[in-house]
């Protein structure tokens, strides 16, 4: 596939052709999906129902795609790449189940969240089942380095979740503290996906480190854009309720920057909304976020992370798969959902 197929020219910036990127791993992705379905087979009916509901509920499968593209950039994928792609998706799905319970969310990707359908207790327990299944699968690779990476990754994710909980309803959260949360909670799984691909491919320590760095910066940028979309997208595009972050009292970067750049009276509106988790203040907060250029600042920070991610790919030889990893990084900051 030519690089031009990944981009379509426009009057401003090139538009990333996400379908063309996906096409590069379509065969492997189908095998991963089948593996996921097979692994969800349980004689406990509720696990089957909820597992298929969550895993089949759309999603870009971005993390498994990163692992597969990195593998192909390093010479090709093996069955262990497929196993680890499924493992990464299971861990990601488990975190979503737990997130929706903690955040009391009722929408996920435009559909009712699992906890809204089956309740919080079932969601937590099935999330635990997915974590357990992921670890059972990773053992099959017979690679201690894989288990070490994923053990540290899941620990970091849990730490990030707890840090985020501590920051909730705290308008004094700094940009540095916010970035620490998303580095652990979100970016670490992106980084694990690309690092694991290098490990399974038998790549050098330099290549492994470069791919891990790529994934980490990409993951930070991805979350930055997610937080910006809560103030710029539509409910239909985003697949969740607008203002969810505000109602959950999450001091995301757009709010942190808006507090710093607004007048004392405007800052107080945001501070009170964060403290109270007040969705009713969304329109007022939205206006202040816009007037302080907080979205532009957040997008700028995301662009800086993507530049670092792309630079980290210097460890890879030129190939259509490296081009796709670059395109995927650019897509992550251009998307509207």
C-alpha atoms as a PDB file:
ATOM      1  CA  UNK A   1       0.000   0.000   0.000  1.00  0.00           C
ATOM      2  CA  UNK A   2       1.385   3.395  -0.979  1.00  0.00           C
ATOM      3  CA  UNK A   3       1.731   6.185   1.587  1.00  0.00           C
ATOM      4  CA  UNK A   4      -0.688   8.250  -0.507  1.00  0.00           C
ATOM      5  CA  UNK A   5      -3.427   5.742   0.287  1.00  0.00           C
ATOM      6  CA  UNK A   6      -3.078   6.548   3.972  1.00  0.00           C
ATOM      7  CA  UNK A   7      -3.559  10.267   3.380  1.00  0.00           C
ATOM      8  CA  UNK A   8      -5.968  12.215   1.213  1.00  0.00           C
ATOM      9  CA  UNK A   9      -4.890  15.751   0.437  1.00  0.00           C
ATOM     10  CA  UNK A  10      -7.012  18.712   1.543  1.00  0.00           C
ATOM     11  CA  UNK A  11      -6.672  22.459   1.392  1.00  0.00           C
ATOM     12  CA  UNK A  12      -5.186  22.516   4.892  1.00  0.00           C
ATOM     13  CA  UNK A  13      -3.764  19.333   6.439  1.00  0.00           C
ATOM     14  CA  UNK A  14      -3.893  15.837   4.982  1.00  0.00           C
ATOM     15  CA  UNK A  15      -6.858  13.769   6.134  1.00  0.00           C
ATOM     16  CA  UNK A  16      -5.876  10.395   7.544  1.00  0.00           C
ATOM     17  CA  UNK A  17      -7.547   7.428   5.874  1.00  0.00           C
ATOM     18  CA  UNK A  18      -8.207   5.225   8.904  1.00  0.00           C
ATOM     19  CA  UNK A  19      -9.772   2.431   6.829  1.00  0.00           C
ATOM     20  CA  UNK A  20      -6.575   2.144   4.776  1.00  0.00           C
ATOM     21  CA  UNK A  21      -4.545   1.763   7.950  1.00  0.00           C
ATOM     22  CA  UNK A  22      -6.916  -0.932   9.232  1.00  0.00           C
ATOM     23  CA  UNK A  23      -6.676  -2.769   5.911  1.00  0.00           C
ATOM     24  CA  UNK A  24      -2.974  -3.438   6.505  1.00  0.00           C
ATOM     25  CA  UNK A  25      -3.790  -5.773   9.400  1.00  0.00           C
ATOM     26  CA  UNK A  26      -7.262  -6.972   8.367  1.00  0.00           C
ATOM     27  CA  UNK A  27      -6.332 -10.671   8.208  1.00  0.00           C
ATOM     28  CA  UNK A  28      -4.606 -10.618  11.585  1.00  0.00           C
ATOM     29  CA  UNK A  29      -7.374  -8.492  13.124  1.00  0.00           C
ATOM     30  CA  UNK A  30      -9.994 -11.071  12.098  1.00  0.00           C
ATOM     31  CA  UNK A  31      -7.902 -13.797  13.707  1.00  0.00           C
ATOM     32  CA  UNK A  32      -7.652 -11.716  16.894  1.00  0.00           C
ATOM     33  CA  UNK A  33     -11.426 -11.182  16.911  1.00  0.00           C
ATOM     34  CA  UNK A  34     -11.977 -14.931  16.589  1.00  0.00           C
ATOM     35  CA  UNK A  35      -9.510 -15.541  19.397  1.00  0.00           C
ATOM     36  CA  UNK A  36     -11.397 -13.069  21.570  1.00  0.00           C
ATOM     37  CA  UNK A  37     -14.699 -14.835  20.846  1.00  0.00           C
ATOM     38  CA  UNK A  38     -13.164 -18.217  21.640  1.00  0.00           C
ATOM     39  CA  UNK A  39     -11.707 -16.957  24.910  1.00  0.00           C
ATOM     40  CA  UNK A  40     -15.050 -15.479  25.978  1.00  0.00           C
ATOM     41  CA  UNK A  41     -16.603 -18.936  25.891  1.00  0.00           C
ATOM     42  CA  UNK A  42     -17.651 -19.797  29.443  1.00  0.00           C
ATOM     43  CA  UNK A  43     -20.237 -22.073  31.017  1.00  0.00           C
ATOM     44  CA  UNK A  44     -21.295 -19.046  33.078  1.00  0.00           C
ATOM     45  CA  UNK A  45     -23.989 -17.539  30.872  1.00  0.00           C
ATOM     46  CA  UNK A  46     -23.688 -13.985  32.209  1.00  0.00           C
ATOM     47  CA  UNK A  47     -19.985 -13.884  31.342  1.00  0.00           C
ATOM     48  CA  UNK A  48     -20.792 -14.885  27.759  1.00  0.00           C
ATOM     49  CA  UNK A  49     -23.551 -12.302  27.483  1.00  0.00           C
ATOM     50  CA  UNK A  50     -21.623  -9.395  28.947  1.00  0.00           C
ATOM     51  CA  UNK A  51     -18.321 -10.292  27.308  1.00  0.00           C
ATOM     52  CA  UNK A  52     -19.806 -10.392  23.836  1.00  0.00           C
ATOM     53  CA  UNK A  53     -21.831  -7.237  24.503  1.00  0.00           C
ATOM     54  CA  UNK A  54     -18.757  -5.237  25.522  1.00  0.00           C
ATOM     55  CA  UNK A  55     -16.219  -6.593  23.048  1.00  0.00           C
ATOM     56  CA  UNK A  56     -18.708  -6.445  20.184  1.00  0.00           C
ATOM     57  CA  UNK A  57     -19.753  -2.879  20.993  1.00  0.00           C
ATOM     58  CA  UNK A  58     -17.773  -1.086  18.311  1.00  0.00           C
ATOM     59  CA  UNK A  59     -14.468   0.526  19.170  1.00  0.00           C
ATOM     60  CA  UNK A  60     -11.480   1.176  16.947  1.00  0.00           C
ATOM     61  CA  UNK A  61      -9.382  -1.736  18.302  1.00  0.00           C
ATOM     62  CA  UNK A  62      -6.559   0.802  18.252  1.00  0.00           C
ATOM     63  CA  UNK A  63      -4.288  -0.876  20.773  1.00  0.00           C
ATOM     64  CA  UNK A  64      -4.317  -4.321  19.099  1.00  0.00           C
ATOM     65  CA  UNK A  65      -3.803  -2.578  15.759  1.00  0.00           C
ATOM     66  CA  UNK A  66      -0.691  -0.852  17.100  1.00  0.00           C
ATOM     67  CA  UNK A  67       0.717  -4.184  18.244  1.00  0.00           C
ATOM     68  CA  UNK A  68       0.043  -5.820  14.875  1.00  0.00           C
ATOM     69  CA  UNK A  69       1.420  -2.926  12.814  1.00  0.00           C
ATOM     70  CA  UNK A  70       4.572  -2.833  14.937  1.00  0.00           C
ATOM     71  CA  UNK A  71       4.999  -6.578  14.431  1.00  0.00           C
ATOM     72  CA  UNK A  72       4.676  -6.224  10.682  1.00  0.00           C
ATOM     73  CA  UNK A  73       7.117  -3.319  10.681  1.00  0.00           C
ATOM     74  CA  UNK A  74       9.588  -5.681  12.358  1.00  0.00           C
ATOM     75  CA  UNK A  75       9.216  -8.436   9.788  1.00  0.00           C
ATOM     76  CA  UNK A  76       5.875 -10.115  10.407  1.00  0.00           C
ATOM     77  CA  UNK A  77       3.465 -11.399  13.012  1.00  0.00           C
ATOM     78  CA  UNK A  78       3.318 -14.776  14.744  1.00  0.00           C
ATOM     79  CA  UNK A  79       0.570 -16.517  16.708  1.00  0.00           C
ATOM     80  CA  UNK A  80       1.999 -14.937  19.856  1.00  0.00           C
ATOM     81  CA  UNK A  81       1.385 -11.501  18.366  1.00  0.00           C
ATOM     82  CA  UNK A  82      -2.271 -12.463  17.927  1.00  0.00           C
ATOM     83  CA  UNK A  83      -2.496 -13.742  21.497  1.00  0.00           C
ATOM     84  CA  UNK A  84      -1.012 -10.531  22.888  1.00  0.00           C
ATOM     85  CA  UNK A  85      -3.262  -8.367  20.710  1.00  0.00           C
ATOM     86  CA  UNK A  86      -6.248 -10.163  22.274  1.00  0.00           C
ATOM     87  CA  UNK A  87      -4.710  -9.798  25.742  1.00  0.00           C
ATOM     88  CA  UNK A  88      -4.308  -6.040  25.256  1.00  0.00           C
ATOM     89  CA  UNK A  89      -7.946  -5.739  24.151  1.00  0.00           C
ATOM     90  CA  UNK A  90      -9.134  -7.785  27.137  1.00  0.00           C
ATOM     91  CA  UNK A  91      -7.215  -5.572  29.564  1.00  0.00           C
ATOM     92  CA  UNK A  92      -8.548  -2.448  27.858  1.00  0.00           C
ATOM     93  CA  UNK A  93     -12.120  -3.776  27.993  1.00  0.00           C
ATOM     94  CA  UNK A  94     -11.749  -4.687  31.672  1.00  0.00           C
ATOM     95  CA  UNK A  95     -10.634  -1.135  32.460  1.00  0.00           C
ATOM     96  CA  UNK A  96     -13.679   0.243  30.613  1.00  0.00           C
ATOM     97  CA  UNK A  97     -16.006  -1.954  32.665  1.00  0.00           C
ATOM     98  CA  UNK A  98     -14.430  -0.754  35.900  1.00  0.00           C
ATOM     99  CA  UNK A  99     -14.281   2.873  34.698  1.00  0.00           C
ATOM    100  CA  UNK A 100     -17.994   2.961  33.942  1.00  0.00           C
ATOM    101  CA  UNK A 101     -18.804   1.667  37.416  1.00  0.00           C
ATOM    102  CA  UNK A 102     -16.529   4.201  39.137  1.00  0.00           C
ATOM    103  CA  UNK A 103     -17.806   7.047  36.937  1.00  0.00           C
ATOM    104  CA  UNK A 104     -21.436   5.873  37.094  1.00  0.00           C
ATOM    105  CA  UNK A 105     -21.595   6.158  33.298  1.00  0.00           C
ATOM    106  CA  UNK A 106     -24.680   4.993  31.463  1.00  0.00           C
ATOM    107  CA  UNK A 107     -23.343   5.306  27.901  1.00  0.00           C
ATOM    108  CA  UNK A 108     -20.370   3.635  26.237  1.00  0.00           C
ATOM    109  CA  UNK A 109     -19.737   4.049  22.484  1.00  0.00           C
ATOM    110  CA  UNK A 110     -23.289   5.236  21.958  1.00  0.00           C
ATOM    111  CA  UNK A 111     -24.934   2.259  23.666  1.00  0.00           C
ATOM    112  CA  UNK A 112     -25.978   1.554  27.218  1.00  0.00           C
ATOM    113  CA  UNK A 113     -22.936   0.730  29.321  1.00  0.00           C
ATOM    114  CA  UNK A 114     -22.731  -2.775  30.770  1.00  0.00           C
ATOM    115  CA  UNK A 115     -23.322  -1.496  34.300  1.00  0.00           C
ATOM    116  CA  UNK A 116     -26.484   0.261  33.098  1.00  0.00           C
ATOM    117  CA  UNK A 117     -27.747  -3.047  31.659  1.00  0.00           C
ATOM    118  CA  UNK A 118     -26.561  -5.605  34.233  1.00  0.00           C
ATOM    119  CA  UNK A 119     -25.612  -3.521  37.276  1.00  0.00           C
ATOM    120  CA  UNK A 120     -22.364  -2.532  38.954  1.00  0.00           C
ATOM    121  CA  UNK A 121     -21.617  -5.818  40.709  1.00  0.00           C
ATOM    122  CA  UNK A 122     -21.794  -7.860  37.488  1.00  0.00           C
ATOM    123  CA  UNK A 123     -19.655  -5.301  35.639  1.00  0.00           C
ATOM    124  CA  UNK A 124     -16.893  -5.378  38.249  1.00  0.00           C
ATOM    125  CA  UNK A 125     -16.862  -9.173  38.394  1.00  0.00           C
ATOM    126  CA  UNK A 126     -16.833  -9.649  34.609  1.00  0.00           C
ATOM    127  CA  UNK A 127     -14.074  -7.047  34.405  1.00  0.00           C
ATOM    128  CA  UNK A 128     -12.127  -9.195  36.856  1.00  0.00           C
ATOM    129  CA  UNK A 129     -12.822 -12.241  34.666  1.00  0.00           C
ATOM    130  CA  UNK A 130     -11.380 -10.438  31.630  1.00  0.00           C
ATOM    131  CA  UNK A 131      -8.241  -9.523  33.591  1.00  0.00           C
ATOM    132  CA  UNK A 132      -7.854 -13.136  34.704  1.00  0.00           C
ATOM    133  CA  UNK A 133      -8.392 -14.418  31.165  1.00  0.00           C
ATOM    134  CA  UNK A 134      -5.790 -11.976  29.875  1.00  0.00           C
ATOM    135  CA  UNK A 135      -3.180 -13.314  32.287  1.00  0.00           C
ATOM    136  CA  UNK A 136      -4.108 -16.891  31.474  1.00  0.00           C
ATOM    137  CA  UNK A 137      -3.574 -16.154  27.778  1.00  0.00           C
ATOM    138  CA  UNK A 138      -0.264 -14.342  28.209  1.00  0.00           C
ATOM    139  CA  UNK A 139       1.178 -17.373  30.015  1.00  0.00           C
ATOM    140  CA  UNK A 140       0.762 -19.312  26.759  1.00  0.00           C
ATOM    141  CA  UNK A 141       3.496 -17.232  25.139  1.00  0.00           C
ATOM    142  CA  UNK A 142       5.974 -18.840  27.528  1.00  0.00           C
ATOM    143  CA  UNK A 143       7.828 -15.537  27.725  1.00  0.00           C
ATOM    144  CA  UNK A 144       8.682 -14.188  31.179  1.00  0.00           C
ATOM    145  CA  UNK A 145       9.495 -10.748  29.748  1.00  0.00           C
ATOM    146  CA  UNK A 146       5.936 -10.542  28.397  1.00  0.00           C
ATOM    147  CA  UNK A 147       4.492 -11.386  31.801  1.00  0.00           C
ATOM    148  CA  UNK A 148       6.779  -8.859  33.496  1.00  0.00           C
ATOM    149  CA  UNK A 149       5.690  -6.061  31.149  1.00  0.00           C
ATOM    150  CA  UNK A 150       1.978  -6.804  31.461  1.00  0.00           C
ATOM    151  CA  UNK A 151       2.142  -7.232  35.244  1.00  0.00           C
ATOM    152  CA  UNK A 152       3.775  -3.809  35.579  1.00  0.00           C
ATOM    153  CA  UNK A 153       1.303  -2.363  33.083  1.00  0.00           C
ATOM    154  CA  UNK A 154      -1.802  -3.506  34.940  1.00  0.00           C
ATOM    155  CA  UNK A 155      -0.314  -2.269  38.226  1.00  0.00           C
ATOM    156  CA  UNK A 156       0.340   1.146  36.675  1.00  0.00           C
ATOM    157  CA  UNK A 157      -3.202   1.296  35.283  1.00  0.00           C
ATOM    158  CA  UNK A 158      -4.635   0.593  38.741  1.00  0.00           C
ATOM    159  CA  UNK A 159      -2.392   3.290  40.239  1.00  0.00           C
ATOM    160  CA  UNK A 160      -3.589   5.723  37.581  1.00  0.00           C
ATOM    161  CA  UNK A 161      -7.213   4.946  38.397  1.00  0.00           C
ATOM    162  CA  UNK A 162      -6.600   5.605  42.092  1.00  0.00           C
ATOM    163  CA  UNK A 163      -4.726   8.853  41.351  1.00  0.00           C
ATOM    164  CA  UNK A 164      -7.608   9.996  39.161  1.00  0.00           C
ATOM    165  CA  UNK A 165     -10.033   9.225  41.971  1.00  0.00           C
ATOM    166  CA  UNK A 166      -7.912  11.315  44.352  1.00  0.00           C
ATOM    167  CA  UNK A 167      -7.957  14.207  41.862  1.00  0.00           C
ATOM    168  CA  UNK A 168     -11.731  14.101  41.393  1.00  0.00           C
ATOM    169  CA  UNK A 169     -13.539  17.222  42.621  1.00  0.00           C
ATOM    170  CA  UNK A 170     -10.139  18.835  43.230  1.00  0.00           C
ATOM    171  CA  UNK A 171      -9.817  22.045  41.173  1.00  0.00           C
ATOM    172  CA  UNK A 172      -6.278  22.539  42.497  1.00  0.00           C
ATOM    173  CA  UNK A 173      -5.032  19.622  40.394  1.00  0.00           C
ATOM    174  CA  UNK A 174      -2.030  20.802  38.374  1.00  0.00           C
ATOM    175  CA  UNK A 175      -1.210  20.023  34.774  1.00  0.00           C
ATOM    176  CA  UNK A 176       1.694  17.865  35.976  1.00  0.00           C
ATOM    177  CA  UNK A 177      -0.591  15.784  38.218  1.00  0.00           C
ATOM    178  CA  UNK A 178      -3.124  15.438  35.407  1.00  0.00           C
ATOM    179  CA  UNK A 179      -0.412  14.236  33.001  1.00  0.00           C
ATOM    180  CA  UNK A 180       0.817  11.732  35.583  1.00  0.00           C
ATOM    181  CA  UNK A 181      -2.681  10.229  35.735  1.00  0.00           C
ATOM    182  CA  UNK A 182      -3.090   9.818  31.983  1.00  0.00           C
ATOM    183  CA  UNK A 183       0.459   8.500  31.596  1.00  0.00           C
ATOM    184  CA  UNK A 184      -0.405   5.642  33.959  1.00  0.00           C
ATOM    185  CA  UNK A 185      -4.101   5.191  33.282  1.00  0.00           C
ATOM    186  CA  UNK A 186      -4.135   5.405  29.485  1.00  0.00           C
ATOM    187  CA  UNK A 187      -0.725   5.745  27.846  1.00  0.00           C
ATOM    188  CA  UNK A 188       0.888   2.764  29.564  1.00  0.00           C
ATOM    189  CA  UNK A 189      -1.330   0.283  27.690  1.00  0.00           C
ATOM    190  CA  UNK A 190      -0.469   1.878  24.319  1.00  0.00           C
ATOM    191  CA  UNK A 191       3.190   1.628  25.288  1.00  0.00           C
ATOM    192  CA  UNK A 192       2.803  -1.990  26.385  1.00  0.00           C
ATOM    193  CA  UNK A 193       1.201  -2.908  23.045  1.00  0.00           C
ATOM    194  CA  UNK A 194       4.090  -1.620  20.956  1.00  0.00           C
ATOM    195  CA  UNK A 195       6.779  -2.775  23.409  1.00  0.00           C
ATOM    196  CA  UNK A 196       5.336  -6.316  23.530  1.00  0.00           C
ATOM    197  CA  UNK A 197       5.368  -6.495  19.749  1.00  0.00           C
ATOM    198  CA  UNK A 198       9.089  -5.738  19.778  1.00  0.00           C
ATOM    199  CA  UNK A 199       9.711  -8.347  22.482  1.00  0.00           C
ATOM    200  CA  UNK A 200       7.841 -11.097  20.633  1.00  0.00           C
ATOM    201  CA  UNK A 201       9.593 -10.126  17.386  1.00  0.00           C
ATOM    202  CA  UNK A 202      12.995 -10.495  19.059  1.00  0.00           C
ATOM    203  CA  UNK A 203      13.907  -6.874  18.349  1.00  0.00           C
ATOM    204  CA  UNK A 204      16.905  -5.132  19.904  1.00  0.00           C
ATOM    205  CA  UNK A 205      16.681  -3.205  23.160  1.00  0.00           C
ATOM    206  CA  UNK A 206      16.966   0.040  21.174  1.00  0.00           C
ATOM    207  CA  UNK A 207      14.005  -0.828  18.957  1.00  0.00           C
ATOM    208  CA  UNK A 208      11.980  -1.999  21.957  1.00  0.00           C
ATOM    209  CA  UNK A 209      12.645   1.264  23.792  1.00  0.00           C
ATOM    210  CA  UNK A 210      11.777   3.338  20.702  1.00  0.00           C
ATOM    211  CA  UNK A 211       8.477   1.541  20.139  1.00  0.00           C
ATOM    212  CA  UNK A 212       7.586   1.795  23.833  1.00  0.00           C
ATOM    213  CA  UNK A 213       8.274   5.547  23.696  1.00  0.00           C
ATOM    214  CA  UNK A 214       6.130   5.861  20.573  1.00  0.00           C
ATOM    215  CA  UNK A 215       3.229   4.146  22.309  1.00  0.00           C
ATOM    216  CA  UNK A 216       3.574   6.220  25.468  1.00  0.00           C
ATOM    217  CA  UNK A 217       3.517   9.580  23.688  1.00  0.00           C
ATOM    218  CA  UNK A 218       0.706   8.438  21.393  1.00  0.00           C
ATOM    219  CA  UNK A 219      -1.350   7.343  24.399  1.00  0.00           C
ATOM    220  CA  UNK A 220      -0.909  10.685  26.148  1.00  0.00           C
ATOM    221  CA  UNK A 221      -1.938  12.540  22.996  1.00  0.00           C
ATOM    222  CA  UNK A 222      -4.935  10.240  22.551  1.00  0.00           C
ATOM    223  CA  UNK A 223      -6.221  11.014  26.052  1.00  0.00           C
ATOM    224  CA  UNK A 224      -5.593  14.736  25.653  1.00  0.00           C
ATOM    225  CA  UNK A 225      -7.800  14.742  22.560  1.00  0.00           C
ATOM    226  CA  UNK A 226     -10.415  12.619  24.360  1.00  0.00           C
ATOM    227  CA  UNK A 227     -10.600  15.252  27.084  1.00  0.00           C
ATOM    228  CA  UNK A 228     -10.834  18.053  24.524  1.00  0.00           C
ATOM    229  CA  UNK A 229     -13.645  16.241  22.695  1.00  0.00           C
ATOM    230  CA  UNK A 230     -15.795  16.442  25.823  1.00  0.00           C
ATOM    231  CA  UNK A 231     -16.100  20.144  24.959  1.00  0.00           C
ATOM    232  CA  UNK A 232     -16.020  20.093  21.146  1.00  0.00           C
ATOM    233  CA  UNK A 233     -17.717  16.944  19.861  1.00  0.00           C
ATOM    234  CA  UNK A 234     -21.360  15.859  19.796  1.00  0.00           C
ATOM    235  CA  UNK A 235     -22.945  13.073  21.837  1.00  0.00           C
ATOM    236  CA  UNK A 236     -23.569  11.106  18.631  1.00  0.00           C
ATOM    237  CA  UNK A 237     -19.928  11.321  17.527  1.00  0.00           C
ATOM    238  CA  UNK A 238     -18.443  10.815  20.963  1.00  0.00           C
ATOM    239  CA  UNK A 239     -20.695   7.940  22.024  1.00  0.00           C
ATOM    240  CA  UNK A 240     -21.097   9.290  25.553  1.00  0.00           C
ATOM    241  CA  UNK A 241     -22.852  12.179  27.260  1.00  0.00           C
ATOM    242  CA  UNK A 242     -21.186  15.541  26.752  1.00  0.00           C
ATOM    243  CA  UNK A 243     -20.147  17.045  30.046  1.00  0.00           C
ATOM    244  CA  UNK A 244     -19.481  13.648  31.613  1.00  0.00           C
ATOM    245  CA  UNK A 245     -15.998  14.714  32.721  1.00  0.00           C
ATOM    246  CA  UNK A 246     -17.435  17.795  34.410  1.00  0.00           C
ATOM    247  CA  UNK A 247     -20.252  15.871  36.097  1.00  0.00           C
ATOM    248  CA  UNK A 248     -17.670  13.419  37.434  1.00  0.00           C
ATOM    249  CA  UNK A 249     -15.602  16.277  38.829  1.00  0.00           C
ATOM    250  CA  UNK A 250     -12.602  15.431  36.659  1.00  0.00           C
ATOM    251  CA  UNK A 251     -10.123  18.327  36.352  1.00  0.00           C
ATOM    252  CA  UNK A 252      -8.983  17.636  32.787  1.00  0.00           C
ATOM    253  CA  UNK A 253      -6.475  19.831  30.954  1.00  0.00           C
ATOM    254  CA  UNK A 254      -9.073  22.077  29.244  1.00  0.00           C
ATOM    255  CA  UNK A 255     -10.462  22.952  32.692  1.00  0.00           C
ATOM    256  CA  UNK A 256      -7.042  23.311  34.321  1.00  0.00           C
ATOM    257  CA  UNK A 257      -5.918  25.723  31.594  1.00  0.00           C
ATOM    258  CA  UNK A 258      -9.218  27.637  31.630  1.00  0.00           C
ATOM    259  CA  UNK A 259      -8.937  28.207  35.401  1.00  0.00           C
ATOM    260  CA  UNK A 260      -5.418  29.587  34.934  1.00  0.00           C
ATOM    261  CA  UNK A 261      -6.343  31.922  32.064  1.00  0.00           C
ATOM    262  CA  UNK A 262      -9.794  33.170  33.084  1.00  0.00           C
ATOM    263  CA  UNK A 263     -10.864  36.015  35.361  1.00  0.00           C
ATOM    264  CA  UNK A 264     -11.360  35.274  39.077  1.00  0.00           C
ATOM    265  CA  UNK A 265     -15.148  35.216  38.670  1.00  0.00           C
ATOM    266  CA  UNK A 266     -14.951  32.872  35.690  1.00  0.00           C
ATOM    267  CA  UNK A 267     -12.410  30.651  37.427  1.00  0.00           C
ATOM    268  CA  UNK A 268     -14.796  30.372  40.387  1.00  0.00           C
ATOM    269  CA  UNK A 269     -17.531  29.030  38.082  1.00  0.00           C
ATOM    270  CA  UNK A 270     -15.244  26.223  36.921  1.00  0.00           C
ATOM    271  CA  UNK A 271     -13.854  25.569  40.401  1.00  0.00           C
ATOM    272  CA  UNK A 272     -17.349  25.237  41.876  1.00  0.00           C
ATOM    273  CA  UNK A 273     -18.465  22.999  39.002  1.00  0.00           C
ATOM    274  CA  UNK A 274     -15.500  20.661  39.553  1.00  0.00           C
ATOM    275  CA  UNK A 275     -16.049  20.571  43.320  1.00  0.00           C
ATOM    276  CA  UNK A 276     -19.747  19.784  42.931  1.00  0.00           C
ATOM    277  CA  UNK A 277     -19.562  17.684  39.755  1.00  0.00           C
ATOM    278  CA  UNK A 278     -22.188  20.017  38.340  1.00  0.00           C
ATOM    279  CA  UNK A 279     -23.252  19.131  34.803  1.00  0.00           C
ATOM    280  CA  UNK A 280     -25.807  21.971  34.935  1.00  0.00           C
ATOM    281  CA  UNK A 281     -22.899  24.417  34.729  1.00  0.00           C
ATOM    282  CA  UNK A 282     -21.685  22.867  31.469  1.00  0.00           C
ATOM    283  CA  UNK A 283     -22.804  25.711  29.179  1.00  0.00           C
ATOM    284  CA  UNK A 284     -21.149  28.362  31.350  1.00  0.00           C
ATOM    285  CA  UNK A 285     -17.985  26.295  31.672  1.00  0.00           C
ATOM    286  CA  UNK A 286     -17.998  25.563  27.945  1.00  0.00           C
ATOM    287  CA  UNK A 287     -18.083  29.298  27.149  1.00  0.00           C
ATOM    288  CA  UNK A 288     -15.112  29.947  29.447  1.00  0.00           C
ATOM    289  CA  UNK A 289     -13.158  27.008  28.019  1.00  0.00           C
ATOM    290  CA  UNK A 290     -13.684  28.453  24.547  1.00  0.00           C
ATOM    291  CA  UNK A 291     -12.828  32.042  25.477  1.00  0.00           C
ATOM    292  CA  UNK A 292      -9.564  31.055  27.163  1.00  0.00           C
ATOM    293  CA  UNK A 293      -8.390  28.998  24.155  1.00  0.00           C
ATOM    294  CA  UNK A 294      -8.179  25.969  26.439  1.00  0.00           C
ATOM    295  CA  UNK A 295      -9.067  23.550  23.642  1.00  0.00           C
ATOM    296  CA  UNK A 296      -6.401  24.994  21.349  1.00  0.00           C
ATOM    297  CA  UNK A 297      -3.874  24.654  24.176  1.00  0.00           C
ATOM    298  CA  UNK A 298      -4.868  21.033  24.811  1.00  0.00           C
ATOM    299  CA  UNK A 299      -4.620  20.244  21.098  1.00  0.00           C
ATOM    300  CA  UNK A 300      -1.206  21.928  20.957  1.00  0.00           C
ATOM    301  CA  UNK A 301       0.019  19.744  23.826  1.00  0.00           C
ATOM    302  CA  UNK A 302      -1.326  16.681  22.006  1.00  0.00           C
ATOM    303  CA  UNK A 303       0.496  17.714  18.816  1.00  0.00           C
ATOM    304  CA  UNK A 304       3.741  18.010  20.810  1.00  0.00           C
ATOM    305  CA  UNK A 305       3.275  14.464  22.092  1.00  0.00           C
ATOM    306  CA  UNK A 306       2.612  13.170  18.572  1.00  0.00           C
ATOM    307  CA  UNK A 307       5.803  14.808  17.307  1.00  0.00           C
ATOM    308  CA  UNK A 308       7.710  12.939  20.035  1.00  0.00           C
ATOM    309  CA  UNK A 309       5.929   9.698  19.126  1.00  0.00           C
ATOM    310  CA  UNK A 310       6.808   9.997  15.450  1.00  0.00           C
ATOM    311  CA  UNK A 311      10.419  10.885  16.219  1.00  0.00           C
ATOM    312  CA  UNK A 312      10.670   7.733  18.349  1.00  0.00           C
ATOM    313  CA  UNK A 313       9.905   5.651  15.239  1.00  0.00           C
ATOM    314  CA  UNK A 314      13.358   6.510  13.864  1.00  0.00           C
ATOM    315  CA  UNK A 315      14.392   3.090  15.220  1.00  0.00           C
ATOM    316  CA  UNK A 316      12.322   1.390  12.488  1.00  0.00           C
ATOM    317  CA  UNK A 317      13.378   0.795   8.905  1.00  0.00           C
ATOM    318  CA  UNK A 318      11.248   2.405   6.217  1.00  0.00           C
ATOM    319  CA  UNK A 319       8.130   0.393   5.322  1.00  0.00           C
ATOM    320  CA  UNK A 320       4.433   0.819   4.652  1.00  0.00           C
ATOM    321  CA  UNK A 321       3.828  -0.354   8.233  1.00  0.00           C
ATOM    322  CA  UNK A 322       6.051   2.365   9.683  1.00  0.00           C
ATOM    323  CA  UNK A 323       4.146   4.844   7.486  1.00  0.00           C
ATOM    324  CA  UNK A 324       0.909   3.446   8.933  1.00  0.00           C
ATOM    325  CA  UNK A 325       2.158   3.910  12.508  1.00  0.00           C
ATOM    326  CA  UNK A 326       2.963   7.532  11.655  1.00  0.00           C
ATOM    327  CA  UNK A 327      -0.463   7.983  10.045  1.00  0.00           C
ATOM    328  CA  UNK A 328      -2.172   6.400  13.037  1.00  0.00           C
ATOM    329  CA  UNK A 329      -0.416   8.846  15.351  1.00  0.00           C
ATOM    330  CA  UNK A 330      -1.632  11.758  13.235  1.00  0.00           C
ATOM    331  CA  UNK A 331      -5.135  10.303  13.112  1.00  0.00           C
ATOM    332  CA  UNK A 332      -5.271  10.228  16.910  1.00  0.00           C
ATOM    333  CA  UNK A 333      -5.130  14.024  17.074  1.00  0.00           C
ATOM    334  CA  UNK A 334      -7.320  14.712  14.013  1.00  0.00           C
ATOM    335  CA  UNK A 335     -10.257  12.516  15.020  1.00  0.00           C
ATOM    336  CA  UNK A 336     -13.676  13.755  16.121  1.00  0.00           C
ATOM    337  CA  UNK A 337     -14.716  10.652  18.099  1.00  0.00           C
END
